[in-house]
Amino acid sequence: MTNHFIDLFLWIEDSDSIFQTWKKLTEKLDVQGKQVHDARLAATCAVSSCTHFLTFNTRHFFRFAEELGPLKIESPSTFPIISD
């Protein structure tokens, strides 16, 4: 089951461009505390040209999406149940 789940997603390696995007984002928006981790995920999406981000905590990501361009923040409750 775990391998099936892993195979469903594109895995993105960390890079210096992700770090630089994260650094600019956290400085510009004065991100502190636990939200620095959210900013890192948002920076990864921006560098990797992701268009959608799925999270249970949508409110933490809206400000990053506004800053980074076209990133649609989605909650799992908006998706139909997927079964194979």
N, C-alpha and C. Protein backbone atom coordinates (compact mmCIF):
# COMPACT_ATOMS: atom_id res chain seq x y z
N MET A 1 0.82 -1.20 0.00
CA MET A 1 0.00 0.00 0.00
C MET A 1 0.86 1.26 0.00
N THR A 2 1.92 1.29 0.80
CA THR A 2 2.77 2.47 0.87
C THR A 2 3.41 2.78 -0.47
N ASN A 3 3.93 1.78 -1.15
CA ASN A 3 4.56 2.02 -2.46
C ASN A 3 3.54 2.55 -3.46
N HIS A 4 2.33 2.07 -3.41
CA HIS A 4 1.28 2.58 -4.30
C HIS A 4 1.07 4.07 -4.05
N PHE A 5 1.01 4.45 -2.79
CA PHE A 5 0.83 5.86 -2.43
C PHE A 5 2.01 6.69 -2.92
N ILE A 6 3.21 6.22 -2.70
CA ILE A 6 4.42 6.94 -3.12
C ILE A 6 4.45 7.11 -4.63
N ASP A 7 4.03 6.11 -5.35
CA ASP A 7 4.06 6.16 -6.82
C ASP A 7 3.05 7.15 -7.41
N LEU A 8 2.11 7.62 -6.61
CA LEU A 8 1.10 8.54 -7.10
C LEU A 8 1.61 9.97 -7.26
N PHE A 9 2.76 10.27 -6.66
CA PHE A 9 3.22 11.65 -6.59
C PHE A 9 4.57 11.86 -7.25
N LEU A 10 4.79 13.08 -7.67
CA LEU A 10 6.08 13.51 -8.18
C LEU A 10 6.91 13.94 -6.99
N TRP A 11 8.13 13.43 -6.86
CA TRP A 11 9.00 13.77 -5.75
C TRP A 11 10.01 14.81 -6.22
N ILE A 12 10.13 15.87 -5.47
CA ILE A 12 10.97 17.00 -5.84
C ILE A 12 12.17 17.08 -4.90
N GLU A 13 13.37 17.13 -5.49
CA GLU A 13 14.58 17.25 -4.68
C GLU A 13 14.79 18.69 -4.25
N ASP A 14 15.39 18.86 -3.08
CA ASP A 14 15.70 20.18 -2.58
C ASP A 14 16.80 20.81 -3.44
N SER A 15 16.82 22.13 -3.51
CA SER A 15 17.82 22.81 -4.34
C SER A 15 18.13 24.18 -3.76
N ASP A 16 19.20 24.78 -4.25
CA ASP A 16 19.55 26.12 -3.81
C ASP A 16 18.49 27.14 -4.21
N SER A 17 17.87 26.95 -5.37
CA SER A 17 16.83 27.90 -5.80
C SER A 17 15.61 27.85 -4.88
N ILE A 18 15.30 26.67 -4.34
CA ILE A 18 14.22 26.57 -3.35
C ILE A 18 14.61 27.34 -2.10
N PHE A 19 15.85 27.15 -1.66
CA PHE A 19 16.31 27.87 -0.47
C PHE A 19 16.26 29.37 -0.67
N GLN A 20 16.73 29.86 -1.81
CA GLN A 20 16.74 31.30 -2.08
C GLN A 20 15.32 31.87 -2.14
N THR A 21 14.41 31.13 -2.75
CA THR A 21 13.01 31.56 -2.81
C THR A 21 12.41 31.60 -1.42
N TRP A 22 12.70 30.58 -0.62
CA TRP A 22 12.22 30.52 0.76
C TRP A 22 12.76 31.69 1.57
N LYS A 23 14.03 31.97 1.42
CA LYS A 23 14.67 33.06 2.17
C LYS A 23 14.02 34.41 1.84
N LYS A 24 13.83 34.68 0.55
CA LYS A 24 13.18 35.93 0.14
C LYS A 24 11.76 36.01 0.67
N LEU A 25 11.04 34.90 0.59
CA LEU A 25 9.65 34.85 1.04
C LEU A 25 9.54 35.12 2.54
N THR A 26 10.37 34.45 3.33
CA THR A 26 10.30 34.62 4.78
C THR A 26 10.71 36.02 5.21
N GLU A 27 11.66 36.61 4.50
CA GLU A 27 12.08 37.97 4.83
C GLU A 27 11.00 38.99 4.44
N LYS A 28 10.46 38.85 3.24
CA LYS A 28 9.46 39.81 2.75
C LYS A 28 8.18 39.79 3.57
N LEU A 29 7.74 38.59 3.94
CA LEU A 29 6.48 38.44 4.67
C LEU A 29 6.68 38.34 6.19
N ASP A 30 7.92 38.47 6.63
CA ASP A 30 8.25 38.38 8.06
C ASP A 30 7.70 37.08 8.67
N VAL A 31 7.99 35.98 8.02
CA VAL A 31 7.51 34.68 8.48
C VAL A 31 8.38 34.22 9.64
N GLN A 32 7.73 33.77 10.71
CA GLN A 32 8.45 33.31 11.90
C GLN A 32 7.79 32.07 12.46
N GLY A 33 8.51 31.41 13.35
CA GLY A 33 7.97 30.24 14.04
C GLY A 33 7.72 29.07 13.11
N LYS A 34 6.68 28.32 13.43
CA LYS A 34 6.36 27.11 12.67
C LYS A 34 6.02 27.39 11.21
N GLN A 35 5.59 28.60 10.90
CA GLN A 35 5.20 28.89 9.52
C GLN A 35 6.39 28.95 8.57
N VAL A 36 7.61 28.94 9.08
CA VAL A 36 8.76 28.88 8.16
C VAL A 36 8.74 27.57 7.38
N HIS A 37 8.18 26.52 7.99
CA HIS A 37 8.08 25.23 7.29
C HIS A 37 7.03 25.31 6.18
N ASP A 38 5.93 25.99 6.44
CA ASP A 38 4.92 26.20 5.41
C ASP A 38 5.50 27.01 4.26
N ALA A 39 6.30 28.02 4.60
CA ALA A 39 6.93 28.84 3.57
C ALA A 39 7.87 28.01 2.71
N ARG A 40 8.54 27.05 3.31
CA ARG A 40 9.45 26.17 2.56
C ARG A 40 8.66 25.34 1.55
N LEU A 41 7.53 24.82 1.96
CA LEU A 41 6.69 24.06 1.03
C LEU A 41 6.19 24.95 -0.11
N ALA A 42 5.78 26.15 0.23
CA ALA A 42 5.31 27.09 -0.80
C ALA A 42 6.44 27.44 -1.77
N ALA A 43 7.63 27.66 -1.25
CA ALA A 43 8.79 27.96 -2.10
C ALA A 43 9.10 26.79 -3.02
N THR A 44 8.98 25.59 -2.52
CA THR A 44 9.21 24.39 -3.34
C THR A 44 8.19 24.34 -4.48
N CYS A 45 6.95 24.65 -4.17
CA CYS A 45 5.91 24.67 -5.21
C CYS A 45 6.24 25.72 -6.27
N ALA A 46 6.66 26.90 -5.84
CA ALA A 46 6.95 27.98 -6.78
C ALA A 46 8.10 27.62 -7.72
N VAL A 47 9.17 27.10 -7.17
CA VAL A 47 10.34 26.75 -7.97
C VAL A 47 10.03 25.58 -8.91
N SER A 48 9.16 24.70 -8.48
CA SER A 48 8.84 23.49 -9.25
C SER A 48 7.65 23.68 -10.18
N SER A 49 7.14 24.89 -10.27
CA SER A 49 6.01 25.23 -11.14
C SER A 49 4.74 24.44 -10.81
N CYS A 50 4.53 24.16 -9.54
CA CYS A 50 3.29 23.51 -9.11
C CYS A 50 2.15 24.50 -9.27
N THR A 51 1.01 24.03 -9.65
CA THR A 51 -0.15 24.90 -9.80
C THR A 51 -1.17 24.72 -8.68
N HIS A 52 -1.10 23.59 -7.97
CA HIS A 52 -2.05 23.29 -6.90
C HIS A 52 -1.29 22.77 -5.68
N PHE A 53 -1.81 23.13 -4.52
CA PHE A 53 -1.21 22.67 -3.26
C PHE A 53 -2.34 22.16 -2.38
N LEU A 54 -2.25 20.92 -1.94
CA LEU A 54 -3.28 20.27 -1.14
C LEU A 54 -2.86 20.27 0.33
N THR A 55 -3.70 20.85 1.19
CA THR A 55 -3.37 20.93 2.62
C THR A 55 -4.64 20.99 3.45
N PHE A 56 -4.56 20.48 4.66
CA PHE A 56 -5.67 20.61 5.60
C PHE A 56 -5.68 22.01 6.23
N ASN A 57 -4.57 22.73 6.10
CA ASN A 57 -4.43 24.03 6.74
C ASN A 57 -4.32 25.13 5.69
N THR A 58 -5.38 25.34 4.95
CA THR A 58 -5.36 26.28 3.83
C THR A 58 -5.03 27.71 4.25
N ARG A 59 -5.50 28.14 5.41
CA ARG A 59 -5.31 29.53 5.80
C ARG A 59 -3.85 29.92 5.96
N HIS A 60 -2.98 28.97 6.28
CA HIS A 60 -1.56 29.27 6.41
C HIS A 60 -0.88 29.50 5.07
N PHE A 61 -1.47 29.04 4.01
CA PHE A 61 -0.79 29.09 2.71
C PHE A 61 -1.29 30.18 1.78
N PHE A 62 -2.41 30.79 2.07
CA PHE A 62 -2.94 31.80 1.16
C PHE A 62 -1.99 32.98 0.96
N ARG A 63 -1.35 33.46 2.01
CA ARG A 63 -0.46 34.60 1.85
C ARG A 63 0.76 34.26 1.00
N PHE A 64 1.20 33.00 1.07
CA PHE A 64 2.34 32.59 0.24
C PHE A 64 1.91 32.50 -1.22
N ALA A 65 0.73 31.97 -1.45
CA ALA A 65 0.23 31.83 -2.82
C ALA A 65 0.08 33.19 -3.48
N GLU A 66 -0.40 34.16 -2.73
CA GLU A 66 -0.55 35.51 -3.27
C GLU A 66 0.80 36.11 -3.66
N GLU A 67 1.82 35.79 -2.91
CA GLU A 67 3.15 36.33 -3.15
C GLU A 67 3.89 35.61 -4.28
N LEU A 68 3.66 34.33 -4.41
CA LEU A 68 4.45 33.50 -5.34
C LEU A 68 3.82 33.30 -6.71
N GLY A 69 2.64 33.82 -6.91
CA GLY A 69 2.04 33.66 -8.22
C GLY A 69 0.90 32.66 -8.22
N PRO A 70 0.62 32.10 -9.37
CA PRO A 70 -0.58 31.25 -9.50
C PRO A 70 -0.41 29.90 -8.80
N LEU A 71 -0.77 29.85 -7.53
CA LEU A 71 -0.74 28.60 -6.77
C LEU A 71 -2.11 28.46 -6.12
N LYS A 72 -2.85 27.45 -6.53
CA LYS A 72 -4.20 27.23 -6.00
C LYS A 72 -4.09 26.36 -4.75
N ILE A 73 -4.58 26.89 -3.65
CA ILE A 73 -4.56 26.18 -2.37
C ILE A 73 -5.87 25.41 -2.24
N GLU A 74 -5.76 24.10 -2.05
CA GLU A 74 -6.95 23.24 -1.98
C GLU A 74 -6.98 22.48 -0.66
N SER A 75 -8.17 22.24 -0.18
CA SER A 75 -8.39 21.41 0.99
C SER A 75 -8.83 20.01 0.53
N PRO A 76 -8.40 18.96 1.22
CA PRO A 76 -8.85 17.62 0.84
C PRO A 76 -10.37 17.47 0.82
N SER A 77 -11.07 18.30 1.56
CA SER A 77 -12.53 18.20 1.57
C SER A 77 -13.14 18.59 0.23
N THR A 78 -12.38 19.24 -0.64
CA THR A 78 -12.89 19.63 -1.95
C THR A 78 -12.67 18.55 -3.02
N PHE A 79 -11.98 17.48 -2.64
CA PHE A 79 -11.69 16.42 -3.59
C PHE A 79 -12.57 15.21 -3.34
N PRO A 80 -12.99 14.55 -4.43
CA PRO A 80 -13.77 13.32 -4.25
C PRO A 80 -12.87 12.20 -3.71
N ILE A 81 -13.47 11.23 -3.10
CA ILE A 81 -12.72 10.08 -2.60
C ILE A 81 -12.15 9.32 -3.80
N ILE A 82 -10.86 9.02 -3.72
CA ILE A 82 -10.19 8.29 -4.80
C ILE A 82 -10.02 6.84 -4.37
N SER A 83 -10.45 5.93 -5.20
CA SER A 83 -10.24 4.52 -4.91
C SER A 83 -9.75 3.82 -6.18
N ASP A 84 -9.05 2.70 -5.98
CA ASP A 84 -8.57 2.01 -7.18
C ASP A 84 -9.32 0.76 -7.45
